[in-house]
C-alpha atoms as a PDB file:
ATOM      1  CA  MET A   1      97.235 105.268 104.509  1.00  0.00           C
ATOM      2  CA  ASP A   2     100.079 103.244 106.019  1.00  0.00           C
ATOM      3  CA  THR A   3     100.588 101.485 102.686  1.00  0.00           C
ATOM      4  CA  VAL A   4     100.564 104.778 100.806  1.00  0.00           C
ATOM      5  CA  MET A   5     103.142 106.287 103.170  1.00  0.00           C
ATOM      6  CA  LEU A   6     105.304 103.157 102.932  1.00  0.00           C
ATOM      7  CA  TYR A   7     105.599 103.470  99.163  1.00  0.00           C
ATOM      8  CA  ALA A   8     105.871 107.271  99.333  1.00  0.00           C
ATOM      9  CA  ASN A   9     108.785 106.948 101.766  1.00  0.00           C
ATOM     10  CA  GLU A  10     110.415 104.184  99.747  1.00  0.00           C
ATOM     11  CA  TYR A  11     110.260 105.886  96.352  1.00  0.00           C
ATOM     12  CA  PHE A  12     110.170 109.598  97.139  1.00  0.00           C
ATOM     13  CA  PHE A  13     110.550 110.963 100.672  1.00  0.00           C
ATOM     14  CA  ASP A  14     113.658 108.970 101.665  1.00  0.00           C
ATOM     15  CA  SER A  15     115.603 110.339  98.701  1.00  0.00           C
ATOM     16  CA  LEU A  16     114.107 113.815  99.158  1.00  0.00           C
ATOM     17  CA  TYR A  17     115.186 114.137 102.795  1.00  0.00           C
ATOM     18  CA  THR A  18     118.567 112.579 102.037  1.00  0.00           C
ATOM     19  CA  SER A  19     119.127 115.210  99.339  1.00  0.00           C
ATOM     20  CA  ILE A  20     118.032 118.023 101.665  1.00  0.00           C
ATOM     21  CA  ALA A  21     120.389 116.732 104.359  1.00  0.00           C
ATOM     22  CA  SER A  22     123.237 116.580 101.855  1.00  0.00           C
ATOM     23  CA  ILE A  23     122.654 120.151 100.691  1.00  0.00           C
ATOM     24  CA  THR A  24     122.249 121.536 104.224  1.00  0.00           C
ATOM     25  CA  SER A  25     124.963 119.378 105.833  1.00  0.00           C
ATOM     26  CA  THR A  26     122.459 117.955 108.322  1.00  0.00           C
ATOM     27  CA  THR A  27     121.228 114.481 109.280  1.00  0.00           C
ATOM     28  CA  PRO A  28     118.334 113.059 107.211  1.00  0.00           C
ATOM     29  CA  LEU A  29     115.034 112.980 109.077  1.00  0.00           C
ATOM     30  CA  PRO A  30     114.089 109.441 110.145  1.00  0.00           C
ATOM     31  CA  ARG A  31     110.752 108.038 109.036  1.00  0.00           C
ATOM     32  CA  ASP A  32     109.242 108.317 112.520  1.00  0.00           C
ATOM     33  CA  ASN A  33     109.864 112.065 112.728  1.00  0.00           C
ATOM     34  CA  VAL A  34     106.575 114.000 113.125  1.00  0.00           C
ATOM     35  CA  ILE A  35     107.551 116.307 110.252  1.00  0.00           C
ATOM     36  CA  ARG A  36     107.271 113.254 107.981  1.00  0.00           C
ATOM     37  CA  PHE A  37     103.645 112.701 109.020  1.00  0.00           C
ATOM     38  CA  TYR A  38     104.067 109.225 110.434  1.00  0.00           C
ATOM     39  CA  TYR A  39     101.173 107.323 111.961  1.00  0.00           C
ATOM     40  CA  ASP A  40     101.712 106.212 115.549  1.00  0.00           C
ATOM     41  CA  LYS A  41     100.767 102.533 115.486  1.00  0.00           C
ATOM     42  CA  ASP A  42     100.384 102.529 119.269  1.00  0.00           C
ATOM     43  CA  TYR A  43      96.875 103.839 118.619  1.00  0.00           C
ATOM     44  CA  MET A  44      96.034 100.447 117.110  1.00  0.00           C
ATOM     45  CA  LYS A  45      96.569  98.917 120.571  1.00  0.00           C
ATOM     46  CA  HIS A  46      93.894 101.141 122.102  1.00  0.00           C
ATOM     47  CA  PRO A  47      90.984  99.078 123.532  1.00  0.00           C
ATOM     48  CA  ARG A  48      88.510 101.122 121.478  1.00  0.00           C
ATOM     49  CA  PHE A  49      90.351 100.472 118.204  1.00  0.00           C
ATOM     50  CA  LEU A  50      88.152  98.167 116.117  1.00  0.00           C
ATOM     51  CA  LYS A  51      89.379  95.078 114.330  1.00  0.00           C
ATOM     52  CA  ASN A  52      90.435  96.095 110.796  1.00  0.00           C
ATOM     53  CA  GLN A  53      89.308  99.645 111.587  1.00  0.00           C
ATOM     54  CA  HIS A  54      91.450 101.235 108.872  1.00  0.00           C
ATOM     55  CA  ILE A  55      89.889  98.899 106.264  1.00  0.00           C
ATOM     56  CA  LEU A  56      86.393  99.693 107.536  1.00  0.00           C
ATOM     57  CA  GLU A  57      87.123 103.423 107.279  1.00  0.00           C
ATOM     58  CA  ILE A  58      88.353 103.079 103.691  1.00  0.00           C
ATOM     59  CA  LYS A  59      85.271 101.050 102.705  1.00  0.00           C
ATOM     60  CA  THR A  60      82.951 103.595 104.330  1.00  0.00           C
ATOM     61  CA  ALA A  61      84.668 106.455 102.501  1.00  0.00           C
ATOM     62  CA  PHE A  62      84.422 104.713  99.127  1.00  0.00           C
ATOM     63  CA  LYS A  63      80.717 104.026  99.659  1.00  0.00           C
ATOM     64  CA  ALA A  64      80.126 107.710 100.400  1.00  0.00           C
ATOM     65  CA  PHE A  65      82.146 109.096  97.460  1.00  0.00           C
ATOM     66  CA  PRO A  66      79.549 108.582  94.664  1.00  0.00           C
ATOM     67  CA  ILE A  67      76.655 110.090  96.615  1.00  0.00           C
ATOM     68  CA  ILE A  68      78.594 113.095  97.897  1.00  0.00           C
ATOM     69  CA  THR A  69      80.093 113.663  94.427  1.00  0.00           C
ATOM     70  CA  ILE A  70      76.653 113.773  92.811  1.00  0.00           C
ATOM     71  CA  LEU A  71      75.365 116.165  95.485  1.00  0.00           C
ATOM     72  CA  THR A  72      78.406 118.419  94.989  1.00  0.00           C
ATOM     73  CA  ILE A  73      78.106 118.717  91.191  1.00  0.00           C
ATOM     74  CA  PRO A  74      75.595 121.647  91.301  1.00  0.00           C
ATOM     75  CA  TRP A  75      77.987 123.647  93.497  1.00  0.00           C
ATOM     76  CA  ILE A  76      80.928 122.997  91.156  1.00  0.00           C
ATOM     77  CA  TYR A  77      78.759 123.875  88.138  1.00  0.00           C
ATOM     78  CA  ALA A  78      77.814 127.203  89.737  1.00  0.00           C
ATOM     79  CA  GLU A  79      81.444 128.027  90.524  1.00  0.00           C
ATOM     80  CA  ILE A  80      82.658 127.204  87.014  1.00  0.00           C
ATOM     81  CA  ASN A  81      79.852 129.034  85.227  1.00  0.00           C
ATOM     82  CA  GLY A  82      79.992 132.367  87.015  1.00  0.00           C
ATOM     83  CA  LYS A  83      77.028 131.859  89.317  1.00  0.00           C
ATOM     84  CA  THR A  84      79.024 132.781  92.420  1.00  0.00           C
ATOM     85  CA  ARG A  85      81.041 135.792  93.626  1.00  0.00           C
ATOM     86  CA  LEU A  86      84.395 134.370  92.546  1.00  0.00           C
ATOM     87  CA  TYR A  87      86.402 136.866  90.493  1.00  0.00           C
ATOM     88  CA  ASP A  88      89.378 136.590  88.102  1.00  0.00           C
ATOM     89  CA  ASP A  89      91.494 139.705  88.708  1.00  0.00           C
ATOM     90  CA  PRO A  90      93.430 139.618  92.030  1.00  0.00           C
ATOM     91  CA  TYR A  91      93.615 143.445  91.999  1.00  0.00           C
ATOM     92  CA  GLU A  92      89.885 143.943  91.434  1.00  0.00           C
ATOM     93  CA  ARG A  93      89.243 144.565  95.134  1.00  0.00           C
ATOM     94  CA  GLY A  94      92.799 145.354  96.192  1.00  0.00           C
ATOM     95  CA  VAL A  95      95.545 143.253  97.746  1.00  0.00           C
ATOM     96  CA  PRO A  96      94.500 143.949 101.376  1.00  0.00           C
ATOM     97  CA  TYR A  97      91.096 142.470 100.583  1.00  0.00           C
ATOM     98  CA  LEU A  98      92.731 139.189  99.540  1.00  0.00           C
ATOM     99  CA  PHE A  99      93.941 138.729 103.123  1.00  0.00           C
ATOM    100  CA  LEU A 100      90.634 139.920 104.559  1.00  0.00           C
ATOM    101  CA  SER A 101      88.626 137.580 102.342  1.00  0.00           C
ATOM    102  CA  ALA A 102      90.748 134.611 103.420  1.00  0.00           C
ATOM    103  CA  GLY A 103      89.971 135.415 107.061  1.00  0.00           C
ATOM    104  CA  LEU A 104      86.271 135.891 106.286  1.00  0.00           C
ATOM    105  CA  PHE A 105      86.215 132.541 104.488  1.00  0.00           C
ATOM    106  CA  LEU A 106      87.694 130.724 107.491  1.00  0.00           C
ATOM    107  CA  LEU A 107      85.374 132.442 109.984  1.00  0.00           C
ATOM    108  CA  PHE A 108      82.247 131.961 107.875  1.00  0.00           C
ATOM    109  CA  THR A 109      82.907 128.272 107.191  1.00  0.00           C
ATOM    110  CA  ASP A 110      83.953 127.663 110.799  1.00  0.00           C
ATOM    111  CA  PHE A 111      80.678 129.153 112.056  1.00  0.00           C
ATOM    112  CA  CYS A 112      78.565 127.113 109.626  1.00  0.00           C
ATOM    113  CA  ILE A 113      80.405 123.855 110.255  1.00  0.00           C
ATOM    114  CA  TYR A 114      80.177 124.419 114.002  1.00  0.00           C
ATOM    115  CA  TRP A 115      76.380 124.388 113.824  1.00  0.00           C
ATOM    116  CA  VAL A 116      76.160 121.572 111.265  1.00  0.00           C
ATOM    117  CA  HIS A 117      78.454 119.541 113.471  1.00  0.00           C
ATOM    118  CA  ARG A 118      76.603 120.370 116.665  1.00  0.00           C
ATOM    119  CA  LEU A 119      73.039 119.891 115.423  1.00  0.00           C
ATOM    120  CA  LEU A 120      73.497 116.856 113.172  1.00  0.00           C
ATOM    121  CA  HIS A 121      76.576 115.070 114.462  1.00  0.00           C
ATOM    122  CA  HIS A 122      74.783 111.993 115.771  1.00  0.00           C
ATOM    123  CA  PRO A 123      71.057 112.090 114.928  1.00  0.00           C
ATOM    124  CA  LEU A 124      71.770 112.524 111.180  1.00  0.00           C
ATOM    125  CA  GLN A 125      75.444 111.697 110.784  1.00  0.00           C
ATOM    126  CA  LYS A 126      75.197 110.612 107.122  1.00  0.00           C
ATOM    127  CA  VAL A 127      73.539 113.908 106.200  1.00  0.00           C
ATOM    128  CA  GLU A 128      76.130 115.772 108.246  1.00  0.00           C
ATOM    129  CA  THR A 129      78.987 114.325 106.186  1.00  0.00           C
ATOM    130  CA  TYR A 130      77.692 116.097 103.081  1.00  0.00           C
ATOM    131  CA  LEU A 131      76.429 119.245 104.811  1.00  0.00           C
ATOM    132  CA  SER A 132      79.848 119.779 106.410  1.00  0.00           C
ATOM    133  CA  SER A 133      81.207 120.394 102.906  1.00  0.00           C
ATOM    134  CA  VAL A 134      78.469 122.819 101.850  1.00  0.00           C
ATOM    135  CA  PRO A 135      79.801 125.909 103.710  1.00  0.00           C
ATOM    136  CA  TYR A 136      82.984 125.850 101.583  1.00  0.00           C
ATOM    137  CA  HIS A 137      80.854 126.242  98.453  1.00  0.00           C
ATOM    138  CA  LEU A 138      78.279 128.516 100.066  1.00  0.00           C
ATOM    139  CA  ALA A 139      81.113 130.894 100.950  1.00  0.00           C
ATOM    140  CA  THR A 140      81.603 131.643  97.236  1.00  0.00           C
ATOM    141  CA  ILE A 141      78.042 133.000  97.101  1.00  0.00           C
ATOM    142  CA  VAL A 142      78.313 135.043 100.304  1.00  0.00           C
ATOM    143  CA  ILE A 143      81.904 136.342 100.098  1.00  0.00           C
ATOM    144  CA  PRO A 144      83.663 137.777  97.012  1.00  0.00           C
ATOM    145  CA  LEU A 145      86.778 135.603  96.578  1.00  0.00           C
ATOM    146  CA  TYR A 146      89.630 135.635  94.096  1.00  0.00           C
ATOM    147  CA  LYS A 147      89.279 132.269  92.341  1.00  0.00           C
ATOM    148  CA  TRP A 148      92.897 131.135  92.810  1.00  0.00           C
ATOM    149  CA  LEU A 149      92.804 132.113  96.463  1.00  0.00           C
ATOM    150  CA  TYR A 150      89.628 130.054  96.806  1.00  0.00           C
ATOM    151  CA  LEU A 151      91.315 127.023  95.260  1.00  0.00           C
ATOM    152  CA  GLY A 152      94.246 127.472  97.640  1.00  0.00           C
ATOM    153  CA  LEU A 153      91.901 127.722 100.627  1.00  0.00           C
ATOM    154  CA  PHE A 154      90.006 124.664  99.445  1.00  0.00           C
ATOM    155  CA  ALA A 155      93.253 122.683  99.292  1.00  0.00           C
ATOM    156  CA  PHE A 156      94.200 123.983 102.747  1.00  0.00           C
ATOM    157  CA  VAL A 157      90.847 122.829 104.135  1.00  0.00           C
ATOM    158  CA  ASN A 158      91.523 119.276 102.985  1.00  0.00           C
ATOM    159  CA  VAL A 159      94.995 119.229 104.539  1.00  0.00           C
ATOM    160  CA  TRP A 160      93.665 120.777 107.751  1.00  0.00           C
ATOM    161  CA  SER A 161      90.891 118.180 108.003  1.00  0.00           C
ATOM    162  CA  VAL A 162      93.540 115.461 108.012  1.00  0.00           C
ATOM    163  CA  MET A 163      95.823 117.303 110.425  1.00  0.00           C
ATOM    164  CA  ILE A 164      93.206 117.677 113.175  1.00  0.00           C
ATOM    165  CA  HIS A 165      92.800 113.894 113.129  1.00  0.00           C
ATOM    166  CA  ASP A 166      96.472 112.912 112.913  1.00  0.00           C
ATOM    167  CA  GLY A 167      97.170 112.548 116.650  1.00  0.00           C
ATOM    168  CA  ASN A 168     100.231 114.811 116.538  1.00  0.00           C
ATOM    169  CA  TYR A 169      99.495 117.454 119.165  1.00  0.00           C
ATOM    170  CA  LEU A 170     102.023 120.082 118.125  1.00  0.00           C
ATOM    171  CA  SER A 171     100.117 123.276 118.922  1.00  0.00           C
ATOM    172  CA  ARG A 172      98.795 124.449 122.278  1.00  0.00           C
ATOM    173  CA  ASN A 173      97.326 127.650 120.881  1.00  0.00           C
ATOM    174  CA  PRO A 174      94.121 128.697 122.728  1.00  0.00           C
ATOM    175  CA  VAL A 175      92.575 130.118 119.537  1.00  0.00           C
ATOM    176  CA  VAL A 176      93.410 127.403 116.999  1.00  0.00           C
ATOM    177  CA  ASN A 177      91.273 124.256 117.067  1.00  0.00           C
ATOM    178  CA  GLY A 178      94.128 121.790 116.679  1.00  0.00           C
ATOM    179  CA  SER A 179      94.164 118.009 116.834  1.00  0.00           C
ATOM    180  CA  ALA A 180      94.337 118.050 120.652  1.00  0.00           C
ATOM    181  CA  HIS A 181      91.089 120.025 120.851  1.00  0.00           C
ATOM    182  CA  HIS A 182      89.440 117.887 118.203  1.00  0.00           C
ATOM    183  CA  SER A 183      90.485 114.629 119.861  1.00  0.00           C
ATOM    184  CA  ILE A 184      88.264 115.613 122.804  1.00  0.00           C
ATOM    185  CA  HIS A 185      85.348 115.863 120.407  1.00  0.00           C
ATOM    186  CA  HIS A 186      85.869 112.239 119.404  1.00  0.00           C
ATOM    187  CA  THR A 187      85.896 111.001 122.994  1.00  0.00           C
ATOM    188  CA  ALA A 188      83.459 113.332 124.759  1.00  0.00           C
ATOM    189  CA  PHE A 189      81.344 114.094 121.623  1.00  0.00           C
ATOM    190  CA  LEU A 190      79.588 117.156 123.046  1.00  0.00           C
ATOM    191  CA  TYR A 191      82.585 119.501 122.957  1.00  0.00           C
ATOM    192  CA  ASN A 192      84.878 121.258 120.485  1.00  0.00           C
ATOM    193  CA  TYR A 193      82.710 121.231 117.358  1.00  0.00           C
ATOM    194  CA  GLY A 194      84.788 123.909 115.595  1.00  0.00           C
ATOM    195  CA  GLN A 195      86.894 123.237 112.520  1.00  0.00           C
ATOM    196  CA  PHE A 196      89.567 125.955 112.594  1.00  0.00           C
ATOM    197  CA  PHE A 197      89.089 128.031 115.727  1.00  0.00           C
ATOM    198  CA  THR A 198      87.814 127.727 119.281  1.00  0.00           C
ATOM    199  CA  PHE A 199      85.810 130.993 119.111  1.00  0.00           C
ATOM    200  CA  PHE A 200      82.360 129.518 118.568  1.00  0.00           C
ATOM    201  CA  ASP A 201      82.834 126.699 121.057  1.00  0.00           C
ATOM    202  CA  ARG A 202      83.755 129.323 123.651  1.00  0.00           C
ATOM    203  CA  ILE A 203      80.840 131.609 122.708  1.00  0.00           C
ATOM    204  CA  PHE A 204      78.198 128.837 122.682  1.00  0.00           C
ATOM    205  CA  GLY A 205      79.429 126.929 125.729  1.00  0.00           C
ATOM    206  CA  SER A 206      80.813 123.761 124.135  1.00  0.00           C
ATOM    207  CA  PHE A 207      84.538 124.364 124.653  1.00  0.00           C
ATOM    208  CA  ARG A 208      86.729 121.983 126.619  1.00  0.00           C
ATOM    209  CA  GLU A 209      90.418 122.737 127.124  1.00  0.00           C
ATOM    210  CA  PRO A 210      92.835 119.856 126.421  1.00  0.00           C
ATOM    211  CA  GLY A 211      94.942 118.975 129.475  1.00  0.00           C
ATOM    212  CA  ASP A 212      98.400 117.522 129.957  1.00  0.00           C
ATOM    213  CA  GLU A 213      96.990 114.005 129.586  1.00  0.00           C
ATOM    214  CA  ILE A 214      96.500 114.813 125.885  1.00  0.00           C
ATOM    215  CA  TYR A 215      99.641 116.812 125.135  1.00  0.00           C
ATOM    216  CA  ASP A 216     102.076 114.635 127.085  1.00  0.00           C
ATOM    217  CA  PRO A 217     102.664 111.369 125.132  1.00  0.00           C
ATOM    218  CA  LYS A 218     103.551 109.414 128.282  1.00  0.00           C
ATOM    219  CA  LEU A 219     100.412 110.521 130.103  1.00  0.00           C
ATOM    220  CA  ARG A 220      98.270 110.050 126.989  1.00  0.00           C
ATOM    221  CA  LYS A 221      99.393 106.436 126.583  1.00  0.00           C
ATOM    222  CA  SER A 222      99.241 105.584 130.272  1.00  0.00           C
ATOM    223  CA  ASN A 223      96.770 102.928 131.416  1.00  0.00           C
ATOM    224  CA  ALA A 224      95.044 105.416 133.720  1.00  0.00           C
ATOM    225  CA  THR A 225      94.375 107.916 130.911  1.00  0.00           C
ATOM    226  CA  ILE A 226      93.265 105.204 128.464  1.00  0.00           C
ATOM    227  CA  LYS A 227      90.883 103.774 131.066  1.00  0.00           C
ATOM    228  CA  LYS A 228      89.429 107.229 131.715  1.00  0.00           C
ATOM    229  CA  VAL A 229      88.916 107.874 127.997  1.00  0.00           C
ATOM    230  CA  VAL A 230      87.297 104.474 127.421  1.00  0.00           C
ATOM    231  CA  GLU A 231      84.897 105.026 130.318  1.00  0.00           C
ATOM    232  CA  GLU A 232      83.913 108.444 128.969  1.00  0.00           C
ATOM    233  CA  VAL A 233      83.388 107.106 125.439  1.00  0.00           C
ATOM    234  CA  ASN A 234      81.277 104.209 126.733  1.00  0.00           C
ATOM    235  CA  PHE A 235      79.170 106.586 128.813  1.00  0.00           C
ATOM    236  CA  MET A 236      78.631 108.996 125.901  1.00  0.00           C
ATOM    237  CA  GLU A 237      77.801 106.182 123.482  1.00  0.00           C
ATOM    238  CA  ALA A 238      75.168 104.842 125.847  1.00  0.00           C
ATOM    239  CA  LYS A 239      73.684 108.318 126.242  1.00  0.00           C
ATOM    240  CA  ILE A 240      73.614 108.915 122.465  1.00  0.00           C
ATOM    241  CA  ASP A 241      72.041 105.493 121.812  1.00  0.00           C
ATOM    242  CA  GLU A 242      69.361 106.338 124.341  1.00  0.00           C
ATOM    243  CA  ASP A 243      68.715 109.710 122.687  1.00  0.00           C
ATOM    244  CA  ASP A 244      68.588 108.094 119.225  1.00  0.00           C
ATOM    245  CA  LYS A 245      65.959 105.627 120.429  1.00  0.00           C
ATOM    246  CA  LYS A 246      63.827 108.544 121.632  1.00  0.00           C
ATOM    247  CA  ILE A 247      64.130 110.220 118.199  1.00  0.00           C
ATOM    248  CA  ASN A 248      63.301 107.027 116.320  1.00  0.00           C
END
């Protein structure tokens, strides 16, 4: 991703933001501005950061692509061939319903992903990767959706999935499951399973509120906070390994 952003900045974003600054009589945004989606390389100094972790993540993703693509083909076939509740006319159910259906889509998928995430996150993690995508297709069978709205929501889902992992803790909204909430899930594992909202974590007792040590960059990068996080991750990993041995 760093390489992609380097070339994107070099050949597109630098000139784009320079042009915007010229038109608006403002200063061009530097590359390390959060609005330009930079990656904070300080995370690579974290003691839990693996050697060549970004390469390992890319390799893992590429290995998963063919299998997940094949498993997704039946869902795409159904959506293209009228086997779902997608409809063509935006006025068929009225404009207010377009907004309602978008909300229903987010709530329905959030509920489903919460339980997929919670029940399968470690015992069957490979299965979970695929099943986490199923609710977005299942929604087209359960909820009538205008097809172009669905495509827009599907694109939003992909952007959102990146944003909650980007380490830029911009929102402290108690309802929205932002990257600060989701970062806890990656360190404590047993909390904050939601994708978009905190509703279901609150209802089913798996919610943990992010503190200042997450939102404040200085506290987050302090040795004391890093040590605390590492200890918690090590403890949870040991517990999960022990549980996996019992299952196997």
